[in-house]
Amino acid sequence: MGVSCVAHLLKALLLLPALAFSQMSAPPLPALRSLELISRHSPHLEQVFVNFLQEPEPEAVLFGIKGALRIRDAKALPLLEKIARRKFAFKSPQDAHSALGG
């Protein structure tokens, strides 16, 4: 993955939580932290994370991104690059917060 794709992916990781979790009473941190318990050598989970990357909900996509990066899923790379190139609806987390009535 090129440097610009990595930069876009990092931007996505920073903005997605603000967009997706701002309406929830408690962010699902235990679910995201649980990914750290998965062995990096878990190829049997590749399709699971690819499926999450294809879901419409931003929370599922974030889980898929973190999971695919955890196990270094080569099958997920085209989807990760596609996500990294997407335009954002908001320029900053504050814009998202304002749009949601905060």
C-alpha atoms as a PDB file:
ATOM      1  CA  MET A   1       0.000   0.000   0.000  1.00  0.00           C
ATOM      2  CA  GLY A   2       1.395   3.421  -0.947  1.00  0.00           C
ATOM      3  CA  VAL A   3       2.048   6.204   1.515  1.00  0.00           C
ATOM      4  CA  SER A   4      -0.962   8.210   0.330  1.00  0.00           C
ATOM      5  CA  CYS A   5      -3.270   5.207   0.785  1.00  0.00           C
ATOM      6  CA  VAL A   6      -1.956   4.713   4.299  1.00  0.00           C
ATOM      7  CA  ALA A   7      -2.537   8.401   5.043  1.00  0.00           C
ATOM      8  CA  HIS A   8      -6.113   8.179   3.769  1.00  0.00           C
ATOM      9  CA  LEU A   9      -6.711   5.010   5.771  1.00  0.00           C
ATOM     10  CA  LEU A  10      -5.422   6.667   8.936  1.00  0.00           C
ATOM     11  CA  LYS A  11      -7.705   9.635   8.256  1.00  0.00           C
ATOM     12  CA  ALA A  12     -10.609   7.196   7.896  1.00  0.00           C
ATOM     13  CA  LEU A  13      -9.743   5.574  11.196  1.00  0.00           C
ATOM     14  CA  LEU A  14      -9.716   8.976  12.876  1.00  0.00           C
ATOM     15  CA  LEU A  15     -13.017  10.219  11.427  1.00  0.00           C
ATOM     16  CA  LEU A  16     -15.116   7.046  11.382  1.00  0.00           C
ATOM     17  CA  PRO A  17     -15.383   6.793  15.159  1.00  0.00           C
ATOM     18  CA  ALA A  18     -16.564  10.389  15.398  1.00  0.00           C
ATOM     19  CA  LEU A  19     -19.195   9.790  12.755  1.00  0.00           C
ATOM     20  CA  ALA A  20     -20.325   6.329  13.729  1.00  0.00           C
ATOM     21  CA  PHE A  21     -20.103   6.318  17.479  1.00  0.00           C
ATOM     22  CA  SER A  22     -21.264   9.844  18.220  1.00  0.00           C
ATOM     23  CA  GLN A  23     -24.898   8.729  18.369  1.00  0.00           C
ATOM     24  CA  MET A  24     -24.221   5.785  20.654  1.00  0.00           C
ATOM     25  CA  SER A  25     -24.326   6.077  24.416  1.00  0.00           C
ATOM     26  CA  ALA A  26     -21.137   4.030  24.892  1.00  0.00           C
ATOM     27  CA  PRO A  27     -18.615   3.281  22.153  1.00  0.00           C
ATOM     28  CA  PRO A  28     -18.052  -0.436  21.558  1.00  0.00           C
ATOM     29  CA  LEU A  29     -14.466  -0.313  22.738  1.00  0.00           C
ATOM     30  CA  PRO A  30     -14.507  -3.873  24.107  1.00  0.00           C
ATOM     31  CA  ALA A  31     -15.351  -5.166  20.618  1.00  0.00           C
ATOM     32  CA  LEU A  32     -12.501  -3.227  19.022  1.00  0.00           C
ATOM     33  CA  ARG A  33     -10.112  -4.208  21.797  1.00  0.00           C
ATOM     34  CA  SER A  34     -11.087  -7.845  21.361  1.00  0.00           C
ATOM     35  CA  LEU A  35      -9.369  -7.778  17.980  1.00  0.00           C
ATOM     36  CA  GLU A  36      -6.054  -7.491  19.821  1.00  0.00           C
ATOM     37  CA  LEU A  37      -6.691 -10.989  21.216  1.00  0.00           C
ATOM     38  CA  ILE A  38      -6.842 -12.525  17.743  1.00  0.00           C
ATOM     39  CA  SER A  39      -3.687 -14.222  16.563  1.00  0.00           C
ATOM     40  CA  ARG A  40      -2.046 -12.455  13.645  1.00  0.00           C
ATOM     41  CA  HIS A  41      -1.898 -15.887  12.024  1.00  0.00           C
ATOM     42  CA  SER A  42      -5.645 -16.433  11.635  1.00  0.00           C
ATOM     43  CA  PRO A  43      -6.277 -16.891   7.899  1.00  0.00           C
ATOM     44  CA  HIS A  44      -9.607 -18.581   8.659  1.00  0.00           C
ATOM     45  CA  LEU A  45     -10.946 -15.131   9.661  1.00  0.00           C
ATOM     46  CA  GLU A  46     -10.100 -13.418   6.367  1.00  0.00           C
ATOM     47  CA  GLN A  47     -13.572 -13.791   4.861  1.00  0.00           C
ATOM     48  CA  VAL A  48     -15.198 -12.586   8.073  1.00  0.00           C
ATOM     49  CA  PHE A  49     -13.340  -9.270   7.909  1.00  0.00           C
ATOM     50  CA  VAL A  50     -13.935  -8.939   4.156  1.00  0.00           C
ATOM     51  CA  ASN A  51     -17.652  -9.289   4.889  1.00  0.00           C
ATOM     52  CA  PHE A  52     -17.453  -6.562   7.538  1.00  0.00           C
ATOM     53  CA  LEU A  53     -15.704  -4.268   5.042  1.00  0.00           C
ATOM     54  CA  GLN A  54     -18.662  -4.667   2.676  1.00  0.00           C
ATOM     55  CA  GLU A  55     -21.332  -3.782   5.242  1.00  0.00           C
ATOM     56  CA  PRO A  56     -23.132  -0.413   4.932  1.00  0.00           C
ATOM     57  CA  GLU A  57     -22.767   0.500   8.621  1.00  0.00           C
ATOM     58  CA  PRO A  58     -19.630   2.532   9.440  1.00  0.00           C
ATOM     59  CA  GLU A  59     -19.192   0.593  12.703  1.00  0.00           C
ATOM     60  CA  ALA A  60     -18.964  -2.693  10.811  1.00  0.00           C
ATOM     61  CA  VAL A  61     -16.507  -1.203   8.318  1.00  0.00           C
ATOM     62  CA  LEU A  62     -14.304   0.094  11.137  1.00  0.00           C
ATOM     63  CA  PHE A  63     -14.329  -3.345  12.762  1.00  0.00           C
ATOM     64  CA  GLY A  64     -13.451  -4.887   9.395  1.00  0.00           C
ATOM     65  CA  ILE A  65     -10.593  -2.429   8.837  1.00  0.00           C
ATOM     66  CA  LYS A  66      -9.075  -3.064  12.240  1.00  0.00           C
ATOM     67  CA  GLY A  67      -9.524  -6.830  11.924  1.00  0.00           C
ATOM     68  CA  ALA A  68      -8.111  -7.044   8.408  1.00  0.00           C
ATOM     69  CA  LEU A  69      -5.103  -4.955   9.428  1.00  0.00           C
ATOM     70  CA  ARG A  70      -4.599  -7.129  12.507  1.00  0.00           C
ATOM     71  CA  ILE A  71      -4.305 -10.348  10.502  1.00  0.00           C
ATOM     72  CA  ARG A  72      -2.674  -8.667   7.471  1.00  0.00           C
ATOM     73  CA  ASP A  73      -5.430  -9.942   5.182  1.00  0.00           C
ATOM     74  CA  ALA A  74      -4.227  -9.798   1.566  1.00  0.00           C
ATOM     75  CA  LYS A  75      -7.773 -10.466   0.287  1.00  0.00           C
ATOM     76  CA  ALA A  76      -8.980  -7.306   2.020  1.00  0.00           C
ATOM     77  CA  LEU A  77      -6.322  -5.052   0.482  1.00  0.00           C
ATOM     78  CA  PRO A  78      -8.401  -3.961  -2.573  1.00  0.00           C
ATOM     79  CA  LEU A  79     -11.336  -3.098  -0.286  1.00  0.00           C
ATOM     80  CA  LEU A  80      -9.070  -1.222   2.128  1.00  0.00           C
ATOM     81  CA  GLU A  81      -7.612   0.785  -0.741  1.00  0.00           C
ATOM     82  CA  LYS A  82     -11.115   1.578  -2.024  1.00  0.00           C
ATOM     83  CA  ILE A  83     -12.162   2.759   1.441  1.00  0.00           C
ATOM     84  CA  ALA A  84      -8.984   4.818   1.762  1.00  0.00           C
ATOM     85  CA  ARG A  85      -9.779   6.683  -1.467  1.00  0.00           C
ATOM     86  CA  ARG A  86     -13.363   7.583  -0.530  1.00  0.00           C
ATOM     87  CA  LYS A  87     -14.300  11.204   0.005  1.00  0.00           C
ATOM     88  CA  PHE A  88     -15.520  12.166   3.457  1.00  0.00           C
ATOM     89  CA  ALA A  89     -18.875  13.802   4.009  1.00  0.00           C
ATOM     90  CA  PHE A  90     -17.338  15.922   6.764  1.00  0.00           C
ATOM     91  CA  LYS A  91     -14.000  17.695   6.949  1.00  0.00           C
ATOM     92  CA  SER A  92     -13.546  17.187  10.672  1.00  0.00           C
ATOM     93  CA  PRO A  93     -15.137  15.372  13.615  1.00  0.00           C
ATOM     94  CA  GLN A  94     -16.539  18.743  14.753  1.00  0.00           C
ATOM     95  CA  ASP A  95     -18.452  19.048  11.451  1.00  0.00           C
ATOM     96  CA  ALA A  96     -19.962  15.619  12.016  1.00  0.00           C
ATOM     97  CA  HIS A  97     -20.897  16.515  15.567  1.00  0.00           C
ATOM     98  CA  SER A  98     -22.581  19.742  14.399  1.00  0.00           C
ATOM     99  CA  ALA A  99     -24.501  17.936  11.662  1.00  0.00           C
ATOM    100  CA  LEU A 100     -25.821  15.448  14.203  1.00  0.00           C
ATOM    101  CA  GLY A 101     -27.229  18.248  16.321  1.00  0.00           C
ATOM    102  CA  GLY A 102     -24.440  18.361  18.889  1.00  0.00           C
END
